[in-house]
Protein backbone atom coordinates (compact mmCIF):
# COMPACT_ATOMS: atom_id res chain seq x y z
CA MET A 1 116.24 58.57 65.08
CA LYS A 2 117.27 60.05 68.07
CA ASN A 3 115.22 63.26 67.07
CA LEU A 4 112.25 61.06 66.61
CA LYS A 5 112.34 59.92 69.91
CA LYS A 6 112.84 63.18 71.38
CA ALA A 7 109.75 64.32 69.58
CA ALA A 8 107.71 61.32 71.01
CA PHE A 9 109.17 62.34 74.43
CA LEU A 10 107.92 65.74 74.26
CA ALA A 11 104.50 64.75 72.76
CA VAL A 12 103.78 62.59 75.73
CA VAL A 13 105.04 65.60 78.14
CA PHE A 14 102.63 68.08 76.56
CA ALA A 15 99.66 65.44 76.25
CA PHE A 16 100.33 65.33 80.11
CA ILE A 17 100.10 68.96 80.31
CA GLY A 18 96.77 68.96 78.03
CA PHE A 19 95.58 66.17 80.62
CA SER A 20 96.25 68.02 83.56
CA VAL A 21 94.31 71.47 82.31
CA ASN A 22 91.29 69.56 80.90
CA ALA A 23 90.58 67.22 84.13
CA GLN A 24 87.09 66.24 84.30
CA LYS A 25 85.10 65.47 87.50
CA GLY A 26 86.63 62.09 89.41
CA SER A 27 90.00 62.99 88.59
CA ALA A 28 92.77 64.46 90.46
CA PHE A 29 96.23 66.46 89.99
CA GLY A 30 98.91 66.90 92.30
CA PHE A 31 102.74 66.86 93.34
CA LYS A 32 104.78 63.88 94.62
CA GLY A 33 108.30 62.87 95.74
CA GLY A 34 110.26 60.18 97.57
CA LEU A 35 112.98 57.90 97.76
CA ASN A 36 114.70 55.42 95.27
CA TYR A 37 116.41 52.65 96.46
CA ASN A 38 118.79 52.03 93.09
CA ALA A 39 121.05 49.81 91.12
CA ASN A 40 122.00 50.00 87.76
CA GLY A 41 123.55 47.42 85.67
CA ASP A 42 126.91 45.83 85.61
CA TYR A 43 130.01 47.79 85.14
CA PHE A 44 132.33 46.19 82.41
CA GLU A 45 136.10 46.69 81.65
CA SER A 46 136.63 46.01 78.06
CA ILE A 47 140.23 45.25 78.79
CA GLY A 48 138.54 41.71 79.94
CA GLU A 49 135.24 40.22 80.83
CA ASN A 50 135.31 40.96 84.64
CA SER A 51 132.31 42.90 85.55
CA GLN A 52 131.16 44.50 88.91
CA ASN A 53 127.54 44.07 90.31
CA PRO A 54 126.34 47.70 91.72
CA ASP A 55 125.68 48.09 95.18
CA ARG A 56 122.41 49.68 95.78
CA ASN A 57 122.28 53.43 96.99
CA ILE A 58 119.67 55.78 97.95
CA GLY A 59 118.55 58.51 95.27
CA TYR A 60 115.30 60.76 95.48
CA HIS A 61 112.77 61.89 93.06
CA ILE A 62 110.15 64.77 92.60
CA GLY A 63 107.24 65.45 90.11
CA VAL A 64 103.56 65.84 89.30
CA PHE A 65 101.01 63.34 88.49
CA GLY A 66 97.42 63.39 87.01
CA LYS A 67 94.65 60.69 87.77
CA LEU A 68 91.41 60.19 85.71
CA GLY A 69 88.81 57.61 87.17
CA ASN A 70 88.25 56.29 90.33
CA GLN A 71 87.76 52.11 90.41
CA ILE A 72 89.85 51.65 87.49
CA TYR A 73 92.13 54.71 86.69
CA PHE A 74 94.91 56.07 84.33
CA ARG A 75 97.75 57.82 86.06
CA PRO A 76 100.41 59.92 84.08
CA GLU A 77 103.56 61.29 85.94
CA LEU A 78 106.27 63.67 85.08
CA VAL A 79 109.03 63.19 87.56
CA TYR A 80 112.82 64.41 88.04
CA THR A 81 114.79 61.52 89.03
CA ALA A 82 118.54 61.71 90.73
CA THR A 83 119.75 58.24 91.47
CA LYS A 84 123.23 56.78 92.47
CA SER A 85 124.91 52.84 92.38
CA ASP A 86 128.33 52.12 93.82
CA TYR A 87 130.96 49.85 92.25
CA ASP A 88 133.66 49.26 95.23
CA SER A 89 135.15 52.69 95.54
CA ASP A 90 133.76 54.43 92.46
CA GLN A 91 130.13 55.86 92.41
CA PHE A 92 127.73 56.26 88.95
CA SER A 93 125.12 59.13 89.20
CA MET A 94 122.58 59.69 86.61
CA LYS A 95 119.81 62.23 86.28
CA LYS A 96 116.65 61.65 84.19
CA ILE A 97 113.22 62.59 83.58
CA ASP A 98 110.51 59.76 83.93
CA VAL A 99 107.10 59.58 82.43
CA PRO A 100 105.10 56.57 83.81
CA LEU A 101 101.93 55.85 82.33
CA LEU A 102 100.21 53.84 84.75
CA VAL A 103 96.73 52.02 84.86
CA GLY A 104 95.57 51.05 88.03
CA ILE A 105 92.63 49.15 89.78
CA LYS A 106 91.20 49.55 93.47
CA VAL A 107 91.27 46.12 95.04
CA LEU A 108 90.32 46.50 98.52
CA GLY A 109 89.10 50.14 99.96
CA PRO A 110 91.96 52.40 99.66
CA VAL A 111 94.23 49.79 98.30
CA SER A 112 95.31 49.58 94.33
CA VAL A 113 97.52 47.55 92.45
CA PHE A 114 98.93 49.68 89.04
CA GLY A 115 101.41 49.08 86.13
CA GLY A 116 102.55 50.14 83.10
CA PRO A 117 105.17 51.40 80.89
CA SER A 118 107.67 54.40 81.92
CA LEU A 119 109.57 56.56 79.29
CA GLN A 120 112.81 57.69 80.43
CA TYR A 121 115.23 60.23 79.21
CA ILE A 122 118.32 60.97 80.51
CA LEU A 123 119.56 64.34 81.33
CA ASP A 124 123.11 63.72 82.64
CA THR A 125 125.58 60.82 83.70
CA GLU A 126 128.90 60.62 85.69
CA PHE A 127 131.15 58.35 86.87
CA ASP A 128 133.63 58.90 89.83
CA GLY A 129 133.96 62.46 88.80
CA ILE A 130 133.94 61.84 84.97
CA ASN A 131 130.84 63.15 82.82
CA ILE A 132 129.97 60.61 80.44
CA ASN A 133 128.29 62.32 77.28
CA ASN A 134 128.07 59.07 75.02
CA VAL A 135 125.20 57.21 76.49
CA GLU A 136 123.84 54.77 73.80
CA ASP A 137 120.12 55.88 74.13
CA GLU A 138 119.29 58.61 75.90
CA PHE A 139 115.46 57.60 75.63
CA SER A 140 114.47 54.22 76.98
CA VAL A 141 111.16 52.61 78.03
CA GLY A 142 111.08 50.42 81.45
CA LEU A 143 108.00 49.29 83.43
CA ASN A 144 106.64 50.03 86.59
CA PHE A 145 104.32 48.17 88.67
CA GLY A 146 103.37 48.17 92.36
CA ILE A 147 100.90 49.00 94.98
CA GLY A 148 99.26 52.17 96.44
CA LEU A 149 97.53 53.32 99.47
CA SER A 150 95.17 56.53 98.79
CA LEU A 151 93.53 58.25 102.00
CA ASN A 152 91.74 61.30 100.70
CA LYS A 153 94.20 63.65 98.87
CA ILE A 154 97.30 61.57 100.57
CA GLY A 155 98.71 58.73 98.86
CA ILE A 156 101.50 56.33 99.24
CA ASP A 157 102.80 53.58 96.81
CA LEU A 158 105.97 51.32 96.64
CA ARG A 159 106.58 50.21 93.02
CA TYR A 160 109.35 48.53 91.27
CA GLU A 161 111.02 49.73 88.19
CA ARG A 162 113.10 47.86 85.25
CA GLY A 163 114.37 48.82 81.97
CA PHE A 164 113.27 46.59 79.16
CA SER A 165 116.83 46.57 77.26
CA ASP A 166 120.43 47.37 78.10
CA ASN A 167 121.48 50.91 77.59
CA GLU A 168 125.14 51.37 77.93
CA ALA A 169 127.21 54.52 78.81
CA ASN A 170 130.92 54.20 77.67
CA PHE A 171 133.78 56.31 79.14
CA ILE A 172 137.69 56.34 79.35
CA ASN A 173 138.71 55.00 82.99
CA ASN A 174 141.83 56.73 83.25
CA ASN A 175 142.68 54.47 86.57
CA ILE A 176 143.55 51.33 84.42
CA GLY A 177 144.87 53.10 81.15
CA THR A 178 144.38 56.08 78.79
CA ASP A 179 142.84 53.92 76.08
CA ILE A 180 140.65 51.37 77.91
CA THR A 181 136.95 52.22 77.59
CA SER A 182 134.78 51.00 80.10
CA ARG A 183 131.14 50.81 80.06
CA ILE A 184 127.99 50.68 82.59
CA ASP A 185 124.55 49.37 81.70
CA THR A 186 122.49 52.92 82.68
CA ARG A 187 119.29 50.56 83.04
CA PRO A 188 117.36 51.38 85.77
CA ASP A 189 116.53 48.43 88.34
CA GLN A 190 115.03 50.03 91.63
CA LEU A 191 112.29 50.29 94.28
CA ILE A 192 110.49 53.82 94.53
CA LEU A 193 108.72 54.84 97.60
CA SER A 194 106.52 57.79 96.99
CA LEU A 195 104.23 60.09 98.91
CA SER A 196 101.79 62.06 96.69
CA ILE A 197 99.30 64.95 97.80
CA ALA A 198 96.46 65.69 95.03
CA LEU A 199 95.52 69.58 94.98
């Protein structure tokens, strides 16, 4: 099942590349980057029912995008994202590949609204110096929606991203006992501010 999900993710990536190579008139291709104001889900200790809500932290993203259409458009993106969340004195960091598949519409001059699913593939997770390998599902799907401003070849957008379902990472927390497994929900919950430049 996991191999099937990876194959589907790669198919989307190759379709994105094909879209960019075969771009028609009225479409665009370019680079984007920006900041992520992120918090992952609750941190739970299996020894009890207590949980810690994450403090939001600043991360970043960089990638490429394509755009097909003008008044109504389709915008796929391929983005590398690094995020951090603080839990009291501990920090959880995650690196992933995101593939938002967005549909937008211009509503007022250069201003547009957009939304759509975002595919996520987790590359690496770490909690307070501990590498976490056993994420429940490395591939997941979330939702992006937001508002954008396009001025010729420069674009700025602000969006919200939220994962659809819980996706826990389990690890041994040596601070509370050698056999006590803790878990963090890796589902994204973030505001994303991006600057894009069309070629």
